[in-house]
């Protein structure tokens, strides 16, 4: 029951109050496109940290204990910048998580969603990370980790008021869009 309550908080309220700053139009998307060309810096502390975060759960625990959600209107951080600054929006969390999971050979996806929330005057955009873990999918929304889904669509369907979504693979290729 506790897991269900946390999932409801994640999918309904977190994108609305967390300061997601992604554009609402897909053609303006890819503030996280720098992830495609990101290379591991020669910083031993960063490298050692990334090497210890060898599961999606460890990545999310690390982000929960070390990062702070923050509306980030001016910048889109690389995983290394996020590591240094220790705060960011949904795109920054997602890029850090996807890079780290990819480093450990997890199949990952970034999912961009647009939400049309009835009581808000504007649409809201949000980004989260999906991981292929064994025979199932899991996802992280900021540092919250939830697993046990059969498909990425099952994860997307947990969000309400979606008007658009785009799924990107780890190379920023579009896998699916609606």
N, C-alpha and C. Protein backbone atom coordinates (compact mmCIF):
# COMPACT_ATOMS: atom_id res chain seq x y z
N UNK A 1 0.82 -1.19 0.00
CA UNK A 1 0.00 0.00 0.00
C UNK A 1 0.87 1.26 0.00
N UNK A 2 1.96 1.20 0.78
CA UNK A 2 2.87 2.34 0.85
C UNK A 2 3.45 2.64 -0.53
N UNK A 3 3.80 1.58 -1.27
CA UNK A 3 4.36 1.73 -2.61
C UNK A 3 3.34 2.38 -3.55
N UNK A 4 2.07 2.02 -3.41
CA UNK A 4 1.01 2.60 -4.24
C UNK A 4 0.84 4.09 -3.94
N UNK A 5 0.88 4.46 -2.70
CA UNK A 5 0.75 5.87 -2.32
C UNK A 5 1.92 6.68 -2.87
N UNK A 6 3.11 6.15 -2.74
CA UNK A 6 4.29 6.85 -3.27
C UNK A 6 4.18 6.97 -4.78
N UNK A 7 3.74 5.92 -5.46
CA UNK A 7 3.58 5.98 -6.90
C UNK A 7 2.56 7.05 -7.29
N UNK A 8 1.47 7.15 -6.58
CA UNK A 8 0.47 8.18 -6.86
C UNK A 8 1.04 9.59 -6.69
N UNK A 9 1.82 9.77 -5.66
CA UNK A 9 2.46 11.07 -5.44
C UNK A 9 3.39 11.39 -6.59
N UNK A 10 4.14 10.41 -7.02
CA UNK A 10 5.09 10.61 -8.11
C UNK A 10 4.37 10.99 -9.39
N UNK A 11 3.37 10.25 -9.75
CA UNK A 11 2.78 10.44 -11.08
C UNK A 11 1.80 11.60 -11.15
N UNK A 12 1.25 12.01 -10.04
CA UNK A 12 0.28 13.11 -10.09
C UNK A 12 0.89 14.43 -9.66
N UNK A 13 1.53 14.45 -8.53
CA UNK A 13 1.93 15.73 -7.96
C UNK A 13 3.36 16.16 -8.25
N UNK A 14 4.29 15.24 -8.30
CA UNK A 14 5.69 15.63 -8.48
C UNK A 14 5.94 16.43 -9.75
N UNK A 15 5.43 16.01 -10.91
CA UNK A 15 5.68 16.81 -12.10
C UNK A 15 5.08 18.21 -12.02
N UNK A 16 4.05 18.37 -11.21
CA UNK A 16 3.37 19.66 -11.14
C UNK A 16 4.05 20.65 -10.22
N UNK A 17 4.72 20.16 -9.20
CA UNK A 17 5.29 21.07 -8.20
C UNK A 17 6.81 21.09 -8.20
N UNK A 18 7.43 20.32 -9.05
CA UNK A 18 8.87 20.15 -8.97
C UNK A 18 9.67 21.11 -9.82
N UNK A 19 9.01 21.95 -10.57
CA UNK A 19 9.74 22.91 -11.38
C UNK A 19 10.28 22.34 -12.67
N UNK A 20 9.58 21.39 -13.27
CA UNK A 20 10.02 20.89 -14.57
C UNK A 20 10.01 22.03 -15.56
N UNK A 21 11.05 22.14 -16.31
CA UNK A 21 11.20 23.29 -17.20
C UNK A 21 11.35 22.88 -18.65
N UNK A 22 10.95 21.68 -18.98
CA UNK A 22 11.05 21.24 -20.36
C UNK A 22 10.03 21.97 -21.22
N UNK A 23 10.33 22.16 -22.48
CA UNK A 23 9.37 22.82 -23.37
C UNK A 23 8.17 21.94 -23.61
N UNK A 24 7.03 22.55 -23.88
CA UNK A 24 5.81 21.80 -24.10
C UNK A 24 5.63 21.36 -25.55
N UNK A 25 6.48 21.83 -26.45
CA UNK A 25 6.38 21.45 -27.85
C UNK A 25 7.53 20.52 -28.19
N UNK A 26 7.23 19.36 -28.78
CA UNK A 26 8.28 18.39 -29.08
C UNK A 26 9.42 18.96 -29.91
N UNK A 27 9.12 19.88 -30.82
CA UNK A 27 10.19 20.42 -31.66
C UNK A 27 11.17 21.27 -30.86
N UNK A 28 10.79 21.69 -29.66
CA UNK A 28 11.69 22.45 -28.79
C UNK A 28 12.42 21.53 -27.83
N UNK A 29 12.15 20.26 -27.94
CA UNK A 29 12.67 19.27 -27.01
C UNK A 29 14.18 19.08 -27.17
N UNK A 30 14.66 18.17 -26.44
CA UNK A 30 16.06 17.77 -26.40
C UNK A 30 16.96 18.74 -25.65
N UNK A 31 16.50 19.24 -24.50
CA UNK A 31 17.44 19.98 -23.67
C UNK A 31 18.47 19.00 -23.13
N UNK A 32 18.17 17.72 -23.23
CA UNK A 32 19.06 16.68 -22.74
C UNK A 32 19.86 16.04 -23.87
N UNK A 33 19.86 16.64 -25.05
CA UNK A 33 20.56 16.05 -26.19
C UNK A 33 22.07 15.98 -25.97
N UNK A 34 22.57 16.81 -25.06
CA UNK A 34 24.01 16.77 -24.75
C UNK A 34 24.41 15.41 -24.17
N UNK A 35 23.46 14.65 -23.69
CA UNK A 35 23.75 13.33 -23.13
C UNK A 35 24.35 12.42 -24.20
N UNK A 36 23.90 12.57 -25.43
CA UNK A 36 24.37 11.72 -26.53
C UNK A 36 25.88 11.85 -26.73
N UNK A 37 26.41 13.05 -26.56
CA UNK A 37 27.82 13.31 -26.82
C UNK A 37 28.66 13.44 -25.55
N UNK A 38 28.05 13.13 -24.42
CA UNK A 38 28.77 13.29 -23.15
C UNK A 38 29.84 12.21 -23.00
N UNK A 39 31.03 12.62 -22.61
CA UNK A 39 32.13 11.70 -22.35
C UNK A 39 32.53 11.77 -20.88
N UNK A 40 32.97 10.67 -20.37
CA UNK A 40 33.38 10.59 -18.97
C UNK A 40 34.55 11.55 -18.71
N UNK A 41 34.40 12.47 -17.77
CA UNK A 41 35.50 13.38 -17.44
C UNK A 41 36.60 12.65 -16.67
N UNK A 42 37.75 13.25 -16.60
CA UNK A 42 38.89 12.65 -15.90
C UNK A 42 38.90 13.11 -14.44
N UNK A 43 37.80 12.87 -13.76
CA UNK A 43 37.65 13.24 -12.35
C UNK A 43 37.45 11.94 -11.58
N UNK A 44 38.44 11.57 -10.78
CA UNK A 44 38.40 10.26 -10.11
C UNK A 44 37.23 10.14 -9.13
N UNK A 45 36.84 11.22 -8.49
CA UNK A 45 35.70 11.15 -7.57
C UNK A 45 34.41 10.84 -8.34
N UNK A 46 34.23 11.50 -9.48
CA UNK A 46 33.05 11.24 -10.31
C UNK A 46 33.09 9.81 -10.84
N UNK A 47 34.20 9.39 -11.37
CA UNK A 47 34.34 8.04 -11.93
C UNK A 47 34.06 6.99 -10.85
N UNK A 48 34.65 7.16 -9.67
CA UNK A 48 34.44 6.20 -8.58
C UNK A 48 32.97 6.15 -8.16
N UNK A 49 32.34 7.31 -8.12
CA UNK A 49 30.91 7.35 -7.76
C UNK A 49 30.09 6.61 -8.79
N UNK A 50 30.30 6.91 -10.06
CA UNK A 50 29.55 6.24 -11.13
C UNK A 50 29.78 4.73 -11.10
N UNK A 51 31.00 4.31 -10.83
CA UNK A 51 31.29 2.87 -10.79
C UNK A 51 30.58 2.15 -9.65
N UNK A 52 30.33 2.84 -8.54
CA UNK A 52 29.62 2.19 -7.42
C UNK A 52 28.11 2.15 -7.63
N UNK A 53 27.59 2.99 -8.51
CA UNK A 53 26.14 3.05 -8.74
C UNK A 53 25.77 2.08 -9.86
N UNK A 54 25.87 0.79 -9.58
CA UNK A 54 25.76 -0.23 -10.62
C UNK A 54 24.37 -0.84 -10.79
N UNK A 55 23.37 -0.28 -10.15
CA UNK A 55 21.98 -0.69 -10.37
C UNK A 55 21.10 0.56 -10.38
N UNK A 56 19.95 0.49 -11.03
CA UNK A 56 19.05 1.64 -10.99
C UNK A 56 18.63 2.03 -9.57
N UNK A 57 18.45 1.05 -8.70
CA UNK A 57 18.09 1.36 -7.32
C UNK A 57 19.21 2.14 -6.61
N UNK A 58 20.45 1.74 -6.81
CA UNK A 58 21.57 2.46 -6.21
C UNK A 58 21.67 3.88 -6.77
N UNK A 59 21.42 4.02 -8.07
CA UNK A 59 21.45 5.34 -8.70
C UNK A 59 20.40 6.24 -8.03
N UNK A 60 19.20 5.72 -7.89
CA UNK A 60 18.11 6.52 -7.30
C UNK A 60 18.37 6.83 -5.83
N UNK A 61 18.90 5.88 -5.09
CA UNK A 61 19.26 6.16 -3.69
C UNK A 61 20.31 7.25 -3.61
N UNK A 62 21.29 7.18 -4.49
CA UNK A 62 22.32 8.21 -4.51
C UNK A 62 21.72 9.59 -4.81
N UNK A 63 20.85 9.65 -5.82
CA UNK A 63 20.24 10.93 -6.17
C UNK A 63 19.38 11.46 -5.03
N UNK A 64 18.66 10.57 -4.37
CA UNK A 64 17.80 10.99 -3.24
C UNK A 64 18.64 11.58 -2.11
N UNK A 65 19.79 10.98 -1.84
CA UNK A 65 20.62 11.43 -0.72
C UNK A 65 21.57 12.57 -1.05
N UNK A 66 21.79 12.84 -2.34
CA UNK A 66 22.80 13.82 -2.71
C UNK A 66 22.32 14.98 -3.57
N UNK A 67 21.17 14.85 -4.21
CA UNK A 67 20.69 15.90 -5.12
C UNK A 67 19.43 16.55 -4.56
N UNK A 68 19.20 17.78 -5.00
CA UNK A 68 18.04 18.54 -4.58
C UNK A 68 17.25 18.98 -5.82
N UNK A 69 15.94 18.70 -5.86
CA UNK A 69 15.14 19.18 -7.00
C UNK A 69 15.12 20.71 -7.01
N UNK A 70 15.27 21.26 -8.18
CA UNK A 70 15.31 22.71 -8.30
C UNK A 70 14.85 23.11 -9.69
N UNK A 71 14.00 24.12 -9.76
CA UNK A 71 13.60 24.64 -11.06
C UNK A 71 14.84 25.20 -11.73
N UNK A 72 15.08 24.72 -12.92
CA UNK A 72 16.33 25.04 -13.62
C UNK A 72 15.98 25.65 -14.97
N UNK A 73 15.68 26.93 -14.99
CA UNK A 73 15.24 27.57 -16.21
C UNK A 73 16.38 27.93 -17.16
N UNK A 74 17.56 28.07 -16.63
CA UNK A 74 18.66 28.60 -17.43
C UNK A 74 19.58 27.55 -18.04
N UNK A 75 19.72 26.41 -17.39
CA UNK A 75 20.73 25.44 -17.81
C UNK A 75 20.18 24.04 -17.91
N UNK A 76 20.81 23.27 -18.77
CA UNK A 76 20.59 21.83 -18.81
C UNK A 76 21.94 21.21 -18.49
N UNK A 77 22.00 20.50 -17.38
CA UNK A 77 23.28 20.01 -16.89
C UNK A 77 23.65 18.65 -17.48
N UNK A 78 24.92 18.48 -17.74
CA UNK A 78 25.43 17.17 -18.09
C UNK A 78 25.44 16.34 -16.79
N UNK A 79 25.61 15.03 -16.89
CA UNK A 79 25.71 14.23 -15.68
C UNK A 79 26.83 14.72 -14.75
N UNK A 80 27.93 15.14 -15.32
CA UNK A 80 29.05 15.62 -14.49
C UNK A 80 28.70 16.93 -13.81
N UNK A 81 28.06 17.84 -14.52
CA UNK A 81 27.65 19.10 -13.89
C UNK A 81 26.64 18.84 -12.78
N UNK A 82 25.72 17.91 -13.01
CA UNK A 82 24.74 17.56 -11.98
C UNK A 82 25.46 17.00 -10.75
N UNK A 83 26.45 16.18 -10.96
CA UNK A 83 27.26 15.63 -9.88
C UNK A 83 27.92 16.75 -9.08
N UNK A 84 28.41 17.76 -9.77
CA UNK A 84 29.09 18.88 -9.10
C UNK A 84 28.11 19.82 -8.40
N UNK A 85 27.03 20.16 -9.07
CA UNK A 85 26.08 21.16 -8.56
C UNK A 85 25.12 20.56 -7.54
N UNK A 86 24.77 19.29 -7.75
CA UNK A 86 23.92 18.53 -6.84
C UNK A 86 22.49 19.05 -6.74
N UNK A 87 22.02 19.68 -7.80
CA UNK A 87 20.63 20.11 -7.87
C UNK A 87 20.23 20.26 -9.33
N UNK A 88 18.96 20.05 -9.60
CA UNK A 88 18.51 20.17 -10.97
C UNK A 88 17.05 19.82 -11.12
N UNK A 89 16.57 19.90 -12.35
CA UNK A 89 15.18 19.58 -12.63
C UNK A 89 15.06 18.14 -13.15
N UNK A 90 13.89 17.79 -13.63
CA UNK A 90 13.65 16.41 -14.05
C UNK A 90 14.58 15.97 -15.17
N UNK A 91 14.92 16.88 -16.09
CA UNK A 91 15.83 16.52 -17.17
C UNK A 91 17.23 16.23 -16.64
N UNK A 92 17.68 17.01 -15.66
CA UNK A 92 19.01 16.81 -15.10
C UNK A 92 19.09 15.49 -14.34
N UNK A 93 18.07 15.19 -13.54
CA UNK A 93 18.02 13.90 -12.83
C UNK A 93 18.00 12.75 -13.84
N UNK A 94 17.16 12.89 -14.86
CA UNK A 94 17.02 11.82 -15.84
C UNK A 94 18.31 11.56 -16.61
N UNK A 95 18.98 12.64 -16.98
CA UNK A 95 20.25 12.48 -17.71
C UNK A 95 21.31 11.82 -16.86
N UNK A 96 21.40 12.22 -15.59
CA UNK A 96 22.36 11.59 -14.68
C UNK A 96 22.05 10.11 -14.55
N UNK A 97 20.78 9.79 -14.32
CA UNK A 97 20.38 8.39 -14.12
C UNK A 97 20.62 7.56 -15.38
N UNK A 98 20.24 8.09 -16.54
CA UNK A 98 20.41 7.34 -17.79
C UNK A 98 21.88 7.12 -18.10
N UNK A 99 22.70 8.16 -17.94
CA UNK A 99 24.12 8.00 -18.20
C UNK A 99 24.73 6.93 -17.28
N UNK A 100 24.40 7.00 -16.01
CA UNK A 100 24.98 6.07 -15.04
C UNK A 100 24.52 4.63 -15.32
N UNK A 101 23.25 4.45 -15.60
CA UNK A 101 22.75 3.10 -15.92
C UNK A 101 23.37 2.58 -17.22
N UNK A 102 23.49 3.46 -18.21
CA UNK A 102 24.13 3.04 -19.48
C UNK A 102 25.59 2.64 -19.25
N UNK A 103 26.26 3.34 -18.37
CA UNK A 103 27.65 3.01 -18.05
C UNK A 103 27.76 1.56 -17.58
N UNK A 104 26.72 1.09 -16.90
CA UNK A 104 26.69 -0.29 -16.39
C UNK A 104 25.91 -1.23 -17.31
N UNK A 105 25.75 -0.81 -18.56
CA UNK A 105 25.14 -1.63 -19.62
C UNK A 105 23.67 -1.94 -19.41
N UNK A 106 22.95 -1.09 -18.70
CA UNK A 106 21.50 -1.23 -18.63
C UNK A 106 20.90 -0.59 -19.87
N UNK A 107 19.88 -1.22 -20.40
CA UNK A 107 19.12 -0.62 -21.50
C UNK A 107 18.25 0.48 -20.87
N UNK A 108 18.39 1.70 -21.36
CA UNK A 108 17.65 2.81 -20.77
C UNK A 108 16.91 3.61 -21.83
N UNK A 109 15.88 4.30 -21.37
CA UNK A 109 15.08 5.18 -22.22
C UNK A 109 14.77 6.44 -21.44
N UNK A 110 14.68 7.54 -22.16
CA UNK A 110 14.18 8.79 -21.58
C UNK A 110 12.79 8.99 -22.15
N UNK A 111 11.83 9.26 -21.27
CA UNK A 111 10.45 9.44 -21.70
C UNK A 111 10.03 10.88 -21.39
N UNK A 112 9.67 11.57 -22.44
CA UNK A 112 9.20 12.95 -22.36
C UNK A 112 7.67 12.93 -22.45
N UNK A 113 7.01 13.54 -21.48
CA UNK A 113 5.55 13.57 -21.50
C UNK A 113 5.07 15.02 -21.38
N UNK A 114 3.92 15.27 -21.99
CA UNK A 114 3.24 16.56 -21.84
C UNK A 114 1.92 16.26 -21.16
N UNK A 115 1.66 16.98 -20.09
CA UNK A 115 0.45 16.79 -19.29
C UNK A 115 -0.44 18.01 -19.42
N UNK A 116 -1.71 17.79 -19.63
CA UNK A 116 -2.68 18.87 -19.66
C UNK A 116 -3.54 18.73 -18.41
N UNK A 117 -3.08 19.37 -17.34
CA UNK A 117 -3.73 19.23 -16.03
C UNK A 117 -4.94 20.17 -15.99
N UNK A 118 -6.12 19.65 -15.67
CA UNK A 118 -7.34 20.46 -15.76
C UNK A 118 -7.32 21.78 -14.97
N UNK A 119 -6.73 21.82 -13.80
CA UNK A 119 -6.79 23.04 -12.99
C UNK A 119 -5.64 24.01 -13.24
N UNK A 120 -4.75 23.68 -14.13
CA UNK A 120 -3.66 24.59 -14.49
C UNK A 120 -3.97 25.25 -15.83
N UNK A 121 -3.51 26.45 -16.01
CA UNK A 121 -3.79 27.17 -17.25
C UNK A 121 -2.81 26.83 -18.37
N UNK A 122 -1.73 26.17 -18.05
CA UNK A 122 -0.76 25.79 -19.07
C UNK A 122 -0.50 24.29 -18.98
N UNK A 123 0.03 23.75 -20.06
CA UNK A 123 0.42 22.35 -20.02
C UNK A 123 1.77 22.24 -19.33
N UNK A 124 2.05 21.08 -18.81
CA UNK A 124 3.30 20.81 -18.11
C UNK A 124 4.06 19.73 -18.84
N UNK A 125 5.35 19.89 -18.96
CA UNK A 125 6.20 18.87 -19.58
C UNK A 125 7.07 18.24 -18.51
N UNK A 126 7.42 16.99 -18.73
CA UNK A 126 8.17 16.25 -17.72
C UNK A 126 9.02 15.18 -18.40
N UNK A 127 10.11 14.79 -17.76
CA UNK A 127 11.01 13.77 -18.28
C UNK A 127 11.34 12.78 -17.17
N UNK A 128 11.35 11.49 -17.51
CA UNK A 128 11.78 10.48 -16.55
C UNK A 128 12.55 9.39 -17.27
N UNK A 129 13.24 8.55 -16.50
CA UNK A 129 14.11 7.51 -17.03
C UNK A 129 13.45 6.13 -16.85
N UNK A 130 13.57 5.30 -17.88
CA UNK A 130 13.08 3.92 -17.82
C UNK A 130 14.28 3.00 -18.00
N UNK A 131 14.29 1.91 -17.22
CA UNK A 131 15.38 0.94 -17.26
C UNK A 131 14.81 -0.43 -17.59
N UNK A 132 15.51 -1.18 -18.41
CA UNK A 132 15.18 -2.59 -18.64
C UNK A 132 16.00 -3.38 -17.61
N UNK A 133 15.29 -4.04 -16.71
CA UNK A 133 15.94 -4.78 -15.63
C UNK A 133 15.47 -6.23 -15.71
N UNK A 134 16.31 -7.08 -16.25
CA UNK A 134 15.91 -8.48 -16.43
C UNK A 134 14.76 -8.55 -17.42
N UNK A 135 13.66 -9.14 -16.98
CA UNK A 135 12.49 -9.30 -17.85
C UNK A 135 11.43 -8.24 -17.65
N UNK A 136 11.72 -7.20 -16.90
CA UNK A 136 10.72 -6.17 -16.65
C UNK A 136 11.33 -4.79 -16.81
N UNK A 137 10.48 -3.79 -16.75
CA UNK A 137 10.91 -2.40 -16.82
C UNK A 137 10.70 -1.73 -15.47
N UNK A 138 11.57 -0.78 -15.19
CA UNK A 138 11.46 0.03 -13.99
C UNK A 138 11.65 1.48 -14.43
N UNK A 139 11.27 2.41 -13.57
CA UNK A 139 11.51 3.80 -13.93
C UNK A 139 11.86 4.61 -12.70
N UNK A 140 12.51 5.73 -12.96
CA UNK A 140 12.77 6.70 -11.89
C UNK A 140 12.26 8.05 -12.32
N UNK A 141 11.60 8.68 -11.40
CA UNK A 141 11.06 10.02 -11.58
C UNK A 141 11.73 10.83 -10.49
N UNK A 142 12.66 11.71 -10.87
CA UNK A 142 13.60 12.30 -9.93
C UNK A 142 14.32 11.12 -9.28
N UNK A 143 14.30 11.00 -7.96
CA UNK A 143 15.03 9.91 -7.33
C UNK A 143 14.11 8.76 -6.91
N UNK A 144 12.84 8.84 -7.22
CA UNK A 144 11.89 7.79 -6.84
C UNK A 144 11.95 6.65 -7.84
N UNK A 145 12.14 5.45 -7.34
CA UNK A 145 12.33 4.26 -8.17
C UNK A 145 11.14 3.33 -8.01
N UNK A 146 10.57 2.88 -9.13
CA UNK A 146 9.46 1.94 -9.11
C UNK A 146 9.73 0.88 -10.17
N UNK A 147 9.49 -0.39 -9.84
CA UNK A 147 9.78 -1.47 -10.78
C UNK A 147 8.59 -2.39 -10.97
N UNK A 148 8.77 -3.38 -11.84
CA UNK A 148 7.77 -4.42 -12.03
C UNK A 148 6.79 -4.18 -13.16
N UNK A 149 7.15 -3.41 -14.17
CA UNK A 149 6.26 -3.14 -15.29
C UNK A 149 6.63 -4.04 -16.47
N UNK A 150 5.61 -4.47 -17.21
CA UNK A 150 5.84 -5.34 -18.37
C UNK A 150 6.32 -4.58 -19.60
N UNK A 151 5.87 -3.34 -19.76
CA UNK A 151 6.22 -2.53 -20.92
C UNK A 151 6.44 -1.08 -20.51
N UNK A 152 7.05 -0.32 -21.38
CA UNK A 152 7.20 1.12 -21.14
C UNK A 152 5.82 1.78 -21.17
N UNK A 153 4.93 1.29 -22.03
CA UNK A 153 3.57 1.83 -22.09
C UNK A 153 2.86 1.68 -20.75
N UNK A 154 3.11 0.58 -20.06
CA UNK A 154 2.50 0.40 -18.73
C UNK A 154 2.95 1.51 -17.77
N UNK A 155 4.20 1.91 -17.88
CA UNK A 155 4.71 2.99 -17.04
C UNK A 155 4.06 4.31 -17.44
N UNK A 156 4.04 4.59 -18.72
CA UNK A 156 3.44 5.84 -19.20
C UNK A 156 1.98 5.94 -18.77
N UNK A 157 1.27 4.83 -18.81
CA UNK A 157 -0.15 4.82 -18.45
C UNK A 157 -0.41 5.09 -16.97
N UNK A 158 0.63 5.08 -16.15
CA UNK A 158 0.41 5.42 -14.73
C UNK A 158 0.26 6.93 -14.55
N UNK A 159 0.69 7.70 -15.53
CA UNK A 159 0.54 9.16 -15.47
C UNK A 159 -0.83 9.55 -16.02
N UNK A 160 -1.43 10.54 -15.40
CA UNK A 160 -2.73 11.01 -15.86
C UNK A 160 -2.58 12.29 -16.67
N UNK A 161 -3.55 12.57 -17.48
CA UNK A 161 -3.64 13.80 -18.26
C UNK A 161 -2.54 13.95 -19.33
N UNK A 162 -2.01 12.86 -19.83
CA UNK A 162 -0.97 12.94 -20.86
C UNK A 162 -1.62 13.28 -22.21
N UNK A 163 -1.05 14.28 -22.88
CA UNK A 163 -1.51 14.63 -24.22
C UNK A 163 -0.49 14.23 -25.28
N UNK A 164 0.74 14.01 -24.88
CA UNK A 164 1.81 13.66 -25.81
C UNK A 164 2.90 12.94 -25.04
N UNK A 165 3.56 12.00 -25.68
CA UNK A 165 4.79 11.43 -25.13
C UNK A 165 5.73 11.05 -26.25
N UNK A 166 7.01 11.07 -25.94
CA UNK A 166 8.04 10.60 -26.85
C UNK A 166 9.03 9.78 -26.04
N UNK A 167 9.37 8.61 -26.55
CA UNK A 167 10.34 7.73 -25.91
C UNK A 167 11.62 7.80 -26.73
N UNK A 168 12.74 8.07 -26.05
CA UNK A 168 14.06 8.14 -26.68
C UNK A 168 14.92 7.01 -26.14
N UNK A 169 15.72 6.40 -27.01
CA UNK A 169 16.68 5.42 -26.53
C UNK A 169 17.93 6.14 -26.03
N UNK A 170 18.93 5.39 -25.62
CA UNK A 170 20.12 6.00 -25.02
C UNK A 170 20.95 6.81 -26.01
N UNK A 171 20.69 6.66 -27.30
CA UNK A 171 21.37 7.46 -28.32
C UNK A 171 20.53 8.64 -28.79
N UNK A 172 19.45 8.90 -28.08
CA UNK A 172 18.53 10.00 -28.37
C UNK A 172 17.76 9.80 -29.67
N UNK A 173 17.62 8.55 -30.09
CA UNK A 173 16.78 8.23 -31.23
C UNK A 173 15.35 8.06 -30.74
N UNK A 174 14.40 8.55 -31.52
CA UNK A 174 12.99 8.39 -31.14
C UNK A 174 12.59 6.93 -31.35
N UNK A 175 12.07 6.32 -30.30
CA UNK A 175 11.59 4.93 -30.35
C UNK A 175 10.10 4.90 -30.64
N UNK A 176 9.38 5.83 -29.99
CA UNK A 176 7.93 5.88 -30.15
C UNK A 176 7.46 7.26 -29.76
N UNK A 177 6.39 7.70 -30.41
CA UNK A 177 5.80 8.99 -30.07
C UNK A 177 4.29 8.90 -30.22
N UNK A 178 3.62 9.69 -29.41
CA UNK A 178 2.15 9.76 -29.47
C UNK A 178 1.75 11.20 -29.23
